[in-house]
Amino acid sequence: MKNNNINLSFFLEDASFENWARGLNKNDIEYWNLWLQNNPQHIEMVENAKAIILGVQFEHRYPDTSKIDYELEKILSKLDNVEPKVKPNKTLRSSQKIFLLTTAAIFLILLSWNGLSLFTSHNTTIHKTNFGEIMDLKLPDGTSVVLNGNSQISYDKNNPRFIKLDGEAYFKVKPIPSTNAKFWVLTEDLKVEVLGTQFHVNTRKKKTNVVLDEGSIHLEFNNGTVTKMIPGELVSFSKESENLIHKKVSVKTPYALWRGGTYAFNEIPLKEVMVNIENTYGVKVLYSSNSLKNIPISGGIPNQNLKICIAAIEKATGTRIIHKNDTLQITQNPINN
């Protein structure tokens, strides 16, 4: 197939692609996983097509004040109807019990609501993913964020364009031409200043990696130094080592990128690939021999599901990966010997 003939309709009209998106056919899954490895430049289009097929919507609805008041009133009315079973000289202890019950009730109302955010008394909104979970978010300003597993973003509800990130995320920032409002992403190592663009930020392994896909951004380091990035560039920095890498990504450049459900690797040793898997899924990786750690990987590895991810890595490296409890044991595939 010719790459210049590939568009969104190409995927949506293909029955085998739909089977892959829905995980229905083993042969189709193997075929499209391999296709992704060989065509990583189409990862974003593939993810968009998959989202359309699955009809995935991530609309987050949170309880309003009237709902909380209503539920609280019902709980308090029940408490009022309960006859006290304590003596008058224990009024303080009874009041404390009612207070604790009321507080717990309010907390349960918020916790049981079908939302994925945590709220604090400091007007901070937190979006956090579990191991192996991917969250697709729409921020109040219209910015789209795809949050990888074991990651977290937080922001003041009065300033949703100043984001703190711990983990890994892909941003599509909504520009605001009328005010040219900037968008900021803060990590332990640096601050990303944005007007309107698409970029990937990874704060794993005690450093921050930034890859710019579209637009332009400025990186402000803790020492006050500012670096400008253009599309196709990668910057890696750690405040601990103060080691700065700023280079253009090319077919000859070793890199590891993440695009909302798929990793794209280029000549990355297996041991570095598996660090991403450990962080995302909360597993421990063991090797039967040190030589396996240096097997290079190039291509796309889907990471929406650990089982599929393992299968893709096995195919790309010629290894066998045994998943038992929270451990991945990597050995040489006997078929390849």
C-alpha atoms as a PDB file:
ATOM      1  CA  MET A   1       0.000   0.000   0.000  1.00  0.00           C
ATOM      2  CA  LYS A   2       1.180   3.542  -0.748  1.00  0.00           C
ATOM      3  CA  ASN A   3       1.488   5.886   2.178  1.00  0.00           C
ATOM      4  CA  ASN A   4       0.192   8.854   0.174  1.00  0.00           C
ATOM      5  CA  ASN A   5      -3.152   7.062  -0.196  1.00  0.00           C
ATOM      6  CA  ILE A   6      -3.592   6.656   3.546  1.00  0.00           C
ATOM      7  CA  ASN A   7      -6.178   8.869   5.224  1.00  0.00           C
ATOM      8  CA  LEU A   8      -8.777   8.483   7.968  1.00  0.00           C
ATOM      9  CA  SER A   9     -11.255   6.776   5.614  1.00  0.00           C
ATOM     10  CA  PHE A  10      -8.608   4.194   4.759  1.00  0.00           C
ATOM     11  CA  PHE A  11      -8.846   2.843   8.318  1.00  0.00           C
ATOM     12  CA  LEU A  12     -12.546   3.419   8.958  1.00  0.00           C
ATOM     13  CA  GLU A  13     -13.586   1.461   5.857  1.00  0.00           C
ATOM     14  CA  ASP A  14     -11.317  -1.510   6.563  1.00  0.00           C
ATOM     15  CA  ALA A  15     -13.104  -4.391   8.337  1.00  0.00           C
ATOM     16  CA  SER A  16      -9.868  -5.919   9.605  1.00  0.00           C
ATOM     17  CA  PHE A  17      -8.840  -2.581  11.123  1.00  0.00           C
ATOM     18  CA  GLU A  18     -12.172  -2.443  12.957  1.00  0.00           C
ATOM     19  CA  ASN A  19     -11.488  -5.938  14.304  1.00  0.00           C
ATOM     20  CA  TRP A  20      -8.098  -4.712  15.541  1.00  0.00           C
ATOM     21  CA  ALA A  21      -9.643  -1.648  17.170  1.00  0.00           C
ATOM     22  CA  ARG A  22     -12.232  -3.804  18.964  1.00  0.00           C
ATOM     23  CA  GLY A  23      -9.742  -6.615  19.735  1.00  0.00           C
ATOM     24  CA  LEU A  24     -11.946  -9.202  17.990  1.00  0.00           C
ATOM     25  CA  ASN A  25      -9.632 -11.179  15.720  1.00  0.00           C
ATOM     26  CA  LYS A  26      -6.191 -12.510  16.583  1.00  0.00           C
ATOM     27  CA  ASN A  27      -4.916 -12.415  12.995  1.00  0.00           C
ATOM     28  CA  ASP A  28      -6.139  -8.860  12.472  1.00  0.00           C
ATOM     29  CA  ILE A  29      -4.576  -7.764  15.781  1.00  0.00           C
ATOM     30  CA  GLU A  30      -1.209  -9.264  14.796  1.00  0.00           C
ATOM     31  CA  TYR A  31      -1.392  -7.712  11.329  1.00  0.00           C
ATOM     32  CA  TRP A  32      -2.152  -4.150  12.498  1.00  0.00           C
ATOM     33  CA  ASN A  33       0.336  -4.299  15.373  1.00  0.00           C
ATOM     34  CA  LEU A  34       3.017  -5.174  12.823  1.00  0.00           C
ATOM     35  CA  TRP A  35       1.742  -2.484  10.455  1.00  0.00           C
ATOM     36  CA  LEU A  36       2.057   0.101  13.237  1.00  0.00           C
ATOM     37  CA  GLN A  37       5.620  -0.983  13.927  1.00  0.00           C
ATOM     38  CA  ASN A  38       6.498  -0.379  10.285  1.00  0.00           C
ATOM     39  CA  ASN A  39       4.472   2.838   9.901  1.00  0.00           C
ATOM     40  CA  PRO A  40       4.902   4.847  13.135  1.00  0.00           C
ATOM     41  CA  GLN A  41       4.290   8.119  11.251  1.00  0.00           C
ATOM     42  CA  HIS A  42       0.569   7.211  11.068  1.00  0.00           C
ATOM     43  CA  ILE A  43       0.144   6.532  14.805  1.00  0.00           C
ATOM     44  CA  GLU A  44      -1.948   9.628  15.511  1.00  0.00           C
ATOM     45  CA  MET A  45      -4.292   8.961  12.568  1.00  0.00           C
ATOM     46  CA  VAL A  46      -4.668   5.334  13.682  1.00  0.00           C
ATOM     47  CA  GLU A  47      -5.581   6.418  17.219  1.00  0.00           C
ATOM     48  CA  ASN A  48      -8.140   8.898  15.879  1.00  0.00           C
ATOM     49  CA  ALA A  49      -9.723   6.209  13.719  1.00  0.00           C
ATOM     50  CA  LYS A  50      -9.809   3.785  16.636  1.00  0.00           C
ATOM     51  CA  ALA A  51     -11.502   6.396  18.832  1.00  0.00           C
ATOM     52  CA  ILE A  52     -14.157   6.971  16.168  1.00  0.00           C
ATOM     53  CA  ILE A  53     -14.843   3.229  15.839  1.00  0.00           C
ATOM     54  CA  LEU A  54     -15.107   2.699  19.574  1.00  0.00           C
ATOM     55  CA  GLY A  55     -17.113   5.863  20.047  1.00  0.00           C
ATOM     56  CA  VAL A  56     -15.033   6.721  23.083  1.00  0.00           C
ATOM     57  CA  GLN A  57     -16.073   9.860  24.923  1.00  0.00           C
ATOM     58  CA  PHE A  58     -14.400  11.192  27.992  1.00  0.00           C
ATOM     59  CA  GLU A  59     -16.918  13.698  29.269  1.00  0.00           C
ATOM     60  CA  HIS A  60     -16.295  14.312  32.925  1.00  0.00           C
ATOM     61  CA  ARG A  61     -19.307  15.368  34.959  1.00  0.00           C
ATOM     62  CA  TYR A  62     -18.903  16.504  38.515  1.00  0.00           C
ATOM     63  CA  PRO A  63     -21.486  17.124  41.251  1.00  0.00           C
ATOM     64  CA  ASP A  64     -22.748  20.666  41.593  1.00  0.00           C
ATOM     65  CA  THR A  65     -23.399  22.390  44.911  1.00  0.00           C
ATOM     66  CA  SER A  66     -27.152  21.762  44.843  1.00  0.00           C
ATOM     67  CA  LYS A  67     -26.581  17.997  44.480  1.00  0.00           C
ATOM     68  CA  ILE A  68     -24.226  17.923  47.447  1.00  0.00           C
ATOM     69  CA  ASP A  69     -26.622  20.024  49.562  1.00  0.00           C
ATOM     70  CA  TYR A  70     -29.546  17.754  48.667  1.00  0.00           C
ATOM     71  CA  GLU A  71     -27.689  14.565  49.592  1.00  0.00           C
ATOM     72  CA  LEU A  72     -26.339  16.151  52.765  1.00  0.00           C
ATOM     73  CA  GLU A  73     -29.838  17.255  53.841  1.00  0.00           C
ATOM     74  CA  LYS A  74     -31.140  13.702  53.466  1.00  0.00           C
ATOM     75  CA  ILE A  75     -28.318  12.338  55.613  1.00  0.00           C
ATOM     76  CA  LEU A  76     -28.745  14.995  58.290  1.00  0.00           C
ATOM     77  CA  SER A  77     -32.497  14.386  58.472  1.00  0.00           C
ATOM     78  CA  LYS A  78     -31.854  10.713  59.161  1.00  0.00           C
ATOM     79  CA  LEU A  79     -29.351  11.602  61.850  1.00  0.00           C
ATOM     80  CA  ASP A  80     -31.901  13.932  63.496  1.00  0.00           C
ATOM     81  CA  ASN A  81     -34.418  11.098  63.742  1.00  0.00           C
ATOM     82  CA  VAL A  82     -32.027   8.822  65.593  1.00  0.00           C
ATOM     83  CA  GLU A  83     -32.704   8.725  69.343  1.00  0.00           C
ATOM     84  CA  PRO A  84     -29.559   9.493  71.323  1.00  0.00           C
ATOM     85  CA  LYS A  85     -28.300   6.508  73.293  1.00  0.00           C
ATOM     86  CA  VAL A  86     -25.761   8.378  75.412  1.00  0.00           C
ATOM     87  CA  LYS A  87     -26.049  10.253  78.639  1.00  0.00           C
ATOM     88  CA  PRO A  88     -26.148  14.078  78.663  1.00  0.00           C
ATOM     89  CA  ASN A  89     -22.614  14.324  79.979  1.00  0.00           C
ATOM     90  CA  LYS A  90     -21.396  12.651  76.767  1.00  0.00           C
ATOM     91  CA  THR A  91     -22.903  15.248  74.428  1.00  0.00           C
ATOM     92  CA  LEU A  92     -19.514  16.283  73.116  1.00  0.00           C
ATOM     93  CA  ARG A  93     -18.639  12.756  72.059  1.00  0.00           C
ATOM     94  CA  SER A  94     -22.019  12.379  70.311  1.00  0.00           C
ATOM     95  CA  SER A  95     -21.525  15.656  68.464  1.00  0.00           C
ATOM     96  CA  GLN A  96     -18.122  14.506  67.316  1.00  0.00           C
ATOM     97  CA  LYS A  97     -19.667  11.290  66.023  1.00  0.00           C
ATOM     98  CA  ILE A  98     -22.309  13.204  64.046  1.00  0.00           C
ATOM     99  CA  PHE A  99     -19.616  15.478  62.626  1.00  0.00           C
ATOM    100  CA  LEU A 100     -17.517  12.515  61.524  1.00  0.00           C
ATOM    101  CA  LEU A 101     -20.517  10.787  59.972  1.00  0.00           C
ATOM    102  CA  THR A 102     -21.476  13.946  58.096  1.00  0.00           C
ATOM    103  CA  THR A 103     -17.943  14.490  56.859  1.00  0.00           C
ATOM    104  CA  ALA A 104     -17.696  10.878  55.718  1.00  0.00           C
ATOM    105  CA  ALA A 105     -21.049  11.158  53.922  1.00  0.00           C
ATOM    106  CA  ILE A 106     -19.923  14.230  51.972  1.00  0.00           C
ATOM    107  CA  PHE A 107     -16.673  12.507  51.049  1.00  0.00           C
ATOM    108  CA  LEU A 108     -18.499   9.400  49.821  1.00  0.00           C
ATOM    109  CA  ILE A 109     -20.850  11.507  47.698  1.00  0.00           C
ATOM    110  CA  LEU A 110     -17.892  13.086  45.943  1.00  0.00           C
ATOM    111  CA  LEU A 111     -15.932   9.859  45.698  1.00  0.00           C
ATOM    112  CA  SER A 112     -18.801   7.789  44.298  1.00  0.00           C
ATOM    113  CA  TRP A 113     -19.624  10.341  41.621  1.00  0.00           C
ATOM    114  CA  ASN A 114     -18.648   9.175  38.160  1.00  0.00           C
ATOM    115  CA  GLY A 115     -15.676  11.461  37.731  1.00  0.00           C
ATOM    116  CA  LEU A 116     -11.951  11.011  37.415  1.00  0.00           C
ATOM    117  CA  SER A 117     -10.757  14.097  39.274  1.00  0.00           C
ATOM    118  CA  LEU A 118      -9.852  14.744  42.885  1.00  0.00           C
ATOM    119  CA  PHE A 119     -10.688  18.050  44.531  1.00  0.00           C
ATOM    120  CA  THR A 120      -8.823  19.747  47.362  1.00  0.00           C
ATOM    121  CA  SER A 121      -9.689  22.606  49.651  1.00  0.00           C
ATOM    122  CA  HIS A 122      -7.180  24.764  47.769  1.00  0.00           C
ATOM    123  CA  ASN A 123      -9.253  24.899  44.558  1.00  0.00           C
ATOM    124  CA  THR A 124      -6.860  22.487  42.888  1.00  0.00           C
ATOM    125  CA  THR A 125      -8.056  19.951  40.320  1.00  0.00           C
ATOM    126  CA  ILE A 126      -6.040  16.752  40.012  1.00  0.00           C
ATOM    127  CA  HIS A 127      -6.295  14.181  37.221  1.00  0.00           C
ATOM    128  CA  LYS A 128      -4.452  10.966  38.058  1.00  0.00           C
ATOM    129  CA  THR A 129      -4.155   7.626  36.274  1.00  0.00           C
ATOM    130  CA  ASN A 130      -3.557   4.181  37.716  1.00  0.00           C
ATOM    131  CA  PHE A 131      -1.006   1.729  36.361  1.00  0.00           C
ATOM    132  CA  GLY A 132      -1.982   0.706  32.832  1.00  0.00           C
ATOM    133  CA  GLU A 133      -4.672   3.390  32.515  1.00  0.00           C
ATOM    134  CA  ILE A 134      -4.806   6.051  29.793  1.00  0.00           C
ATOM    135  CA  MET A 135      -6.954   9.126  30.333  1.00  0.00           C
ATOM    136  CA  ASP A 136      -8.117  11.476  27.577  1.00  0.00           C
ATOM    137  CA  LEU A 137      -8.919  14.899  29.027  1.00  0.00           C
ATOM    138  CA  LYS A 138     -10.366  18.182  27.837  1.00  0.00           C
ATOM    139  CA  LEU A 139      -9.234  21.061  30.048  1.00  0.00           C
ATOM    140  CA  PRO A 140     -11.500  24.062  30.766  1.00  0.00           C
ATOM    141  CA  ASP A 141      -9.670  26.184  28.154  1.00  0.00           C
ATOM    142  CA  GLY A 142     -10.223  23.574  25.413  1.00  0.00           C
ATOM    143  CA  THR A 143      -6.736  22.050  25.569  1.00  0.00           C
ATOM    144  CA  SER A 144      -6.593  18.277  25.018  1.00  0.00           C
ATOM    145  CA  VAL A 145      -4.381  16.135  27.226  1.00  0.00           C
ATOM    146  CA  VAL A 146      -3.723  12.408  26.948  1.00  0.00           C
ATOM    147  CA  LEU A 147      -2.338  11.174  30.259  1.00  0.00           C
ATOM    148  CA  ASN A 148      -0.329   7.957  30.290  1.00  0.00           C
ATOM    149  CA  GLY A 149      -0.490   5.342  33.041  1.00  0.00           C
ATOM    150  CA  ASN A 150       0.851   6.171  36.512  1.00  0.00           C
ATOM    151  CA  SER A 151       0.818   9.909  35.757  1.00  0.00           C
ATOM    152  CA  GLN A 152      -0.757  13.038  37.195  1.00  0.00           C
ATOM    153  CA  ILE A 153      -1.538  16.619  36.225  1.00  0.00           C
ATOM    154  CA  SER A 154      -2.863  19.307  38.542  1.00  0.00           C
ATOM    155  CA  TYR A 155      -3.951  22.923  38.168  1.00  0.00           C
ATOM    156  CA  ASP A 156      -5.761  25.690  40.009  1.00  0.00           C
ATOM    157  CA  LYS A 157      -9.334  25.853  38.729  1.00  0.00           C
ATOM    158  CA  ASN A 158      -8.903  29.614  38.303  1.00  0.00           C
ATOM    159  CA  ASN A 159      -5.806  29.119  36.154  1.00  0.00           C
ATOM    160  CA  PRO A 160      -6.207  25.930  34.079  1.00  0.00           C
ATOM    161  CA  ARG A 161      -3.426  26.988  31.681  1.00  0.00           C
ATOM    162  CA  PHE A 162      -0.717  26.439  34.301  1.00  0.00           C
ATOM    163  CA  ILE A 163      -0.266  22.675  34.602  1.00  0.00           C
ATOM    164  CA  LYS A 164       1.948  20.666  36.911  1.00  0.00           C
ATOM    165  CA  LEU A 165       2.929  17.275  35.477  1.00  0.00           C
ATOM    166  CA  ASP A 166       4.311  14.162  37.114  1.00  0.00           C
ATOM    167  CA  GLY A 167       4.651  11.278  34.679  1.00  0.00           C
ATOM    168  CA  GLU A 168       3.910  11.380  30.956  1.00  0.00           C
ATOM    169  CA  ALA A 169       1.399  13.276  28.831  1.00  0.00           C
ATOM    170  CA  TYR A 170       0.726  14.498  25.307  1.00  0.00           C
ATOM    171  CA  PHE A 171      -0.689  18.017  24.926  1.00  0.00           C
ATOM    172  CA  LYS A 172      -2.669  19.692  22.145  1.00  0.00           C
ATOM    173  CA  VAL A 173      -2.872  23.256  23.409  1.00  0.00           C
ATOM    174  CA  LYS A 174      -5.879  25.358  22.448  1.00  0.00           C
ATOM    175  CA  PRO A 175      -4.682  28.756  21.226  1.00  0.00           C
ATOM    176  CA  ILE A 176      -6.529  31.880  22.360  1.00  0.00           C
ATOM    177  CA  PRO A 177      -5.797  34.456  19.602  1.00  0.00           C
ATOM    178  CA  SER A 178      -7.818  37.238  21.231  1.00  0.00           C
ATOM    179  CA  THR A 179      -5.524  37.412  24.254  1.00  0.00           C
ATOM    180  CA  ASN A 180      -2.512  35.329  23.163  1.00  0.00           C
ATOM    181  CA  ALA A 181      -2.820  33.614  26.542  1.00  0.00           C
ATOM    182  CA  LYS A 182       0.156  31.396  27.240  1.00  0.00           C
ATOM    183  CA  PHE A 183       0.005  27.811  28.425  1.00  0.00           C
ATOM    184  CA  TRP A 184       2.525  26.457  30.928  1.00  0.00           C
ATOM    185  CA  VAL A 185       3.611  22.939  31.883  1.00  0.00           C
ATOM    186  CA  LEU A 186       5.726  22.721  35.023  1.00  0.00           C
ATOM    187  CA  THR A 187       7.956  19.723  35.881  1.00  0.00           C
ATOM    188  CA  GLU A 188      10.675  19.179  38.475  1.00  0.00           C
ATOM    189  CA  ASP A 189      13.329  20.153  35.916  1.00  0.00           C
ATOM    190  CA  LEU A 190      11.868  22.931  33.796  1.00  0.00           C
ATOM    191  CA  LYS A 191       8.869  24.964  32.666  1.00  0.00           C
ATOM    192  CA  VAL A 192       7.369  24.746  29.176  1.00  0.00           C
ATOM    193  CA  GLU A 193       5.932  27.994  27.796  1.00  0.00           C
ATOM    194  CA  VAL A 194       3.388  27.544  25.013  1.00  0.00           C
ATOM    195  CA  LEU A 195       1.127  29.673  22.804  1.00  0.00           C
ATOM    196  CA  GLY A 196      -0.574  26.935  20.779  1.00  0.00           C
ATOM    197  CA  THR A 197       1.046  23.668  19.798  1.00  0.00           C
ATOM    198  CA  GLN A 198       1.340  19.878  20.138  1.00  0.00           C
ATOM    199  CA  PHE A 199       4.070  18.310  22.240  1.00  0.00           C
ATOM    200  CA  HIS A 200       5.014  15.351  24.428  1.00  0.00           C
ATOM    201  CA  VAL A 201       6.429  15.626  27.965  1.00  0.00           C
ATOM    202  CA  ASN A 202       7.929  12.764  29.956  1.00  0.00           C
ATOM    203  CA  THR A 203       9.178  13.244  33.536  1.00  0.00           C
ATOM    204  CA  ARG A 204      10.299   9.655  34.112  1.00  0.00           C
ATOM    205  CA  LYS A 205      13.772   8.504  35.139  1.00  0.00           C
ATOM    206  CA  LYS A 206      14.576  11.680  37.134  1.00  0.00           C
ATOM    207  CA  LYS A 207      14.644  13.880  34.036  1.00  0.00           C
ATOM    208  CA  THR A 208      12.287  15.683  31.691  1.00  0.00           C
ATOM    209  CA  ASN A 209      12.046  14.886  27.979  1.00  0.00           C
ATOM    210  CA  VAL A 210      10.148  17.220  25.642  1.00  0.00           C
ATOM    211  CA  VAL A 211       9.416  16.488  21.969  1.00  0.00           C
ATOM    212  CA  LEU A 212       7.734  19.157  19.844  1.00  0.00           C
ATOM    213  CA  ASP A 213       5.457  18.070  16.997  1.00  0.00           C
ATOM    214  CA  GLU A 214       3.867  21.352  15.955  1.00  0.00           C
ATOM    215  CA  GLY A 215       4.174  25.077  16.711  1.00  0.00           C
ATOM    216  CA  SER A 216       6.892  26.501  18.945  1.00  0.00           C
ATOM    217  CA  ILE A 217       7.639  26.455  22.651  1.00  0.00           C
ATOM    218  CA  HIS A 218      10.141  27.931  25.075  1.00  0.00           C
ATOM    219  CA  LEU A 219      11.735  25.925  27.865  1.00  0.00           C
ATOM    220  CA  GLU A 220      12.691  27.814  30.996  1.00  0.00           C
ATOM    221  CA  PHE A 221      15.174  25.944  33.183  1.00  0.00           C
ATOM    222  CA  ASN A 222      15.542  26.376  36.924  1.00  0.00           C
ATOM    223  CA  ASN A 223      18.700  28.470  36.491  1.00  0.00           C
ATOM    224  CA  GLY A 224      16.795  30.982  34.335  1.00  0.00           C
ATOM    225  CA  THR A 225      18.141  29.788  30.973  1.00  0.00           C
ATOM    226  CA  VAL A 226      15.579  29.790  28.147  1.00  0.00           C
ATOM    227  CA  THR A 227      15.694  27.477  25.111  1.00  0.00           C
ATOM    228  CA  LYS A 228      13.431  27.698  22.076  1.00  0.00           C
ATOM    229  CA  MET A 229      12.251  24.527  20.348  1.00  0.00           C
ATOM    230  CA  ILE A 230      11.055  24.083  16.775  1.00  0.00           C
ATOM    231  CA  PRO A 231       9.004  21.141  15.417  1.00  0.00           C
ATOM    232  CA  GLY A 232      10.854  17.857  15.255  1.00  0.00           C
ATOM    233  CA  GLU A 233      13.247  18.669  18.086  1.00  0.00           C
ATOM    234  CA  LEU A 234      13.892  16.804  21.331  1.00  0.00           C
ATOM    235  CA  VAL A 235      15.162  18.283  24.593  1.00  0.00           C
ATOM    236  CA  SER A 236      16.203  16.171  27.564  1.00  0.00           C
ATOM    237  CA  PHE A 237      17.286  17.716  30.873  1.00  0.00           C
ATOM    238  CA  SER A 238      17.833  16.649  34.492  1.00  0.00           C
ATOM    239  CA  LYS A 239      18.412  19.194  37.246  1.00  0.00           C
ATOM    240  CA  GLU A 240      20.334  16.547  39.196  1.00  0.00           C
ATOM    241  CA  SER A 241      22.976  15.933  36.525  1.00  0.00           C
ATOM    242  CA  GLU A 242      22.444  19.271  34.716  1.00  0.00           C
ATOM    243  CA  ASN A 243      22.883  17.263  31.500  1.00  0.00           C
ATOM    244  CA  LEU A 244      21.144  19.010  28.581  1.00  0.00           C
ATOM    245  CA  ILE A 245      20.472  17.355  25.225  1.00  0.00           C
ATOM    246  CA  HIS A 246      18.905  19.454  22.455  1.00  0.00           C
ATOM    247  CA  LYS A 247      18.763  17.886  19.009  1.00  0.00           C
ATOM    248  CA  LYS A 248      16.706  17.332  15.889  1.00  0.00           C
ATOM    249  CA  VAL A 249      14.880  14.004  15.762  1.00  0.00           C
ATOM    250  CA  SER A 250      15.658  12.079  12.575  1.00  0.00           C
ATOM    251  CA  VAL A 251      15.601   8.510  11.322  1.00  0.00           C
ATOM    252  CA  LYS A 252      19.142   8.167  12.679  1.00  0.00           C
ATOM    253  CA  THR A 253      18.285   9.542  16.122  1.00  0.00           C
ATOM    254  CA  PRO A 254      17.555   7.064  18.922  1.00  0.00           C
ATOM    255  CA  TYR A 255      14.313   8.187  20.541  1.00  0.00           C
ATOM    256  CA  ALA A 256      11.327   6.998  22.563  1.00  0.00           C
ATOM    257  CA  LEU A 257       8.054   8.864  22.019  1.00  0.00           C
ATOM    258  CA  TRP A 258       4.533   8.305  23.280  1.00  0.00           C
ATOM    259  CA  ARG A 259       1.404   9.251  21.370  1.00  0.00           C
ATOM    260  CA  GLY A 260      -1.757   8.638  23.379  1.00  0.00           C
ATOM    261  CA  GLY A 261      -1.717   4.862  23.380  1.00  0.00           C
ATOM    262  CA  THR A 262       1.339   3.918  21.336  1.00  0.00           C
ATOM    263  CA  TYR A 263       5.065   4.099  21.960  1.00  0.00           C
ATOM    264  CA  ALA A 264       7.312   4.873  19.003  1.00  0.00           C
ATOM    265  CA  PHE A 265      10.878   3.653  19.439  1.00  0.00           C
ATOM    266  CA  ASN A 266      13.884   4.121  17.185  1.00  0.00           C
ATOM    267  CA  GLU A 267      16.971   2.037  17.962  1.00  0.00           C
ATOM    268  CA  ILE A 268      16.217   1.991  21.688  1.00  0.00           C
ATOM    269  CA  PRO A 269      17.723  -0.864  23.759  1.00  0.00           C
ATOM    270  CA  LEU A 270      15.204  -3.286  25.227  1.00  0.00           C
ATOM    271  CA  LYS A 271      16.205  -2.366  28.801  1.00  0.00           C
ATOM    272  CA  GLU A 272      15.185   1.282  28.181  1.00  0.00           C
ATOM    273  CA  VAL A 273      11.947   0.221  26.509  1.00  0.00           C
ATOM    274  CA  MET A 274      11.057  -1.917  29.507  1.00  0.00           C
ATOM    275  CA  VAL A 275      11.641   1.003  31.893  1.00  0.00           C
ATOM    276  CA  ASN A 276       8.677   2.689  30.189  1.00  0.00           C
ATOM    277  CA  ILE A 277       6.629  -0.474  30.671  1.00  0.00           C
ATOM    278  CA  GLU A 278       7.609  -0.685  34.346  1.00  0.00           C
ATOM    279  CA  ASN A 279       6.549   2.908  34.980  1.00  0.00           C
ATOM    280  CA  THR A 280       3.301   2.626  33.038  1.00  0.00           C
ATOM    281  CA  TYR A 281       2.082  -0.735  34.347  1.00  0.00           C
ATOM    282  CA  GLY A 282       3.783  -1.007  37.758  1.00  0.00           C
ATOM    283  CA  VAL A 283       5.594  -4.257  36.940  1.00  0.00           C
ATOM    284  CA  LYS A 284       9.136  -5.479  37.558  1.00  0.00           C
ATOM    285  CA  VAL A 285      11.251  -6.751  34.659  1.00  0.00           C
ATOM    286  CA  LEU A 286      13.789  -9.579  34.984  1.00  0.00           C
ATOM    287  CA  TYR A 287      16.193 -10.853  32.293  1.00  0.00           C
ATOM    288  CA  SER A 288      17.547 -14.371  31.887  1.00  0.00           C
ATOM    289  CA  SER A 289      20.778 -12.867  30.488  1.00  0.00           C
ATOM    290  CA  ASN A 290      22.291  -9.380  30.249  1.00  0.00           C
ATOM    291  CA  SER A 291      22.684  -9.702  26.476  1.00  0.00           C
ATOM    292  CA  LEU A 292      18.901  -9.412  26.083  1.00  0.00           C
ATOM    293  CA  LYS A 293      18.950  -5.900  27.555  1.00  0.00           C
ATOM    294  CA  ASN A 294      20.749  -4.460  24.528  1.00  0.00           C
ATOM    295  CA  ILE A 295      18.453  -5.787  21.789  1.00  0.00           C
ATOM    296  CA  PRO A 296      17.431  -2.673  19.775  1.00  0.00           C
ATOM    297  CA  ILE A 297      13.778  -1.914  19.088  1.00  0.00           C
ATOM    298  CA  SER A 298      12.384   0.257  16.290  1.00  0.00           C
ATOM    299  CA  GLY A 299       8.730   0.792  15.460  1.00  0.00           C
ATOM    300  CA  GLY A 300       5.403   1.306  17.183  1.00  0.00           C
ATOM    301  CA  ILE A 301       4.394  -0.600  20.326  1.00  0.00           C
ATOM    302  CA  PRO A 302       0.705  -0.244  21.355  1.00  0.00           C
ATOM    303  CA  ASN A 303       0.437   0.247  25.109  1.00  0.00           C
ATOM    304  CA  GLN A 304      -3.328   0.425  25.732  1.00  0.00           C
ATOM    305  CA  ASN A 305      -3.167  -3.148  27.020  1.00  0.00           C
ATOM    306  CA  LEU A 306      -0.228  -4.898  28.697  1.00  0.00           C
ATOM    307  CA  LYS A 307      -0.926  -8.216  26.974  1.00  0.00           C
ATOM    308  CA  ILE A 308      -0.864  -6.609  23.516  1.00  0.00           C
ATOM    309  CA  CYS A 309       2.191  -4.591  24.492  1.00  0.00           C
ATOM    310  CA  ILE A 310       4.070  -7.731  25.539  1.00  0.00           C
ATOM    311  CA  ALA A 311       3.141  -9.507  22.305  1.00  0.00           C
ATOM    312  CA  ALA A 312       4.431  -6.586  20.209  1.00  0.00           C
ATOM    313  CA  ILE A 313       7.736  -6.470  22.109  1.00  0.00           C
ATOM    314  CA  GLU A 314       8.184 -10.227  21.758  1.00  0.00           C
ATOM    315  CA  LYS A 315       7.673  -9.968  18.004  1.00  0.00           C
ATOM    316  CA  ALA A 316      10.035  -6.999  17.664  1.00  0.00           C
ATOM    317  CA  THR A 317      12.856  -8.564  19.693  1.00  0.00           C
ATOM    318  CA  GLY A 318      12.496 -12.301  19.138  1.00  0.00           C
ATOM    319  CA  THR A 319      12.184 -12.865  22.869  1.00  0.00           C
ATOM    320  CA  ARG A 320       9.705 -14.619  25.114  1.00  0.00           C
ATOM    321  CA  ILE A 321       8.118 -12.652  27.966  1.00  0.00           C
ATOM    322  CA  ILE A 322       6.388 -14.522  30.792  1.00  0.00           C
ATOM    323  CA  HIS A 323       3.971 -12.419  32.859  1.00  0.00           C
ATOM    324  CA  LYS A 324       3.502 -13.800  36.365  1.00  0.00           C
ATOM    325  CA  ASN A 325       1.953 -11.700  39.117  1.00  0.00           C
ATOM    326  CA  ASP A 326       3.704  -8.313  38.896  1.00  0.00           C
ATOM    327  CA  THR A 327       6.841  -9.601  37.164  1.00  0.00           C
ATOM    328  CA  LEU A 328       7.855  -9.873  33.512  1.00  0.00           C
ATOM    329  CA  GLN A 329      10.529 -12.515  32.900  1.00  0.00           C
ATOM    330  CA  ILE A 330      12.325 -12.010  29.573  1.00  0.00           C
ATOM    331  CA  THR A 331      14.109 -14.952  27.966  1.00  0.00           C
ATOM    332  CA  GLN A 332      15.370 -15.839  24.511  1.00  0.00           C
ATOM    333  CA  ASN A 333      12.601 -17.389  22.403  1.00  0.00           C
ATOM    334  CA  PRO A 334      13.645 -21.029  21.861  1.00  0.00           C
ATOM    335  CA  ILE A 335      12.067 -20.971  18.396  1.00  0.00           C
ATOM    336  CA  ASN A 336      14.713 -18.455  17.273  1.00  0.00           C
ATOM    337  CA  ASN A 337      17.634 -20.612  18.498  1.00  0.00           C
END
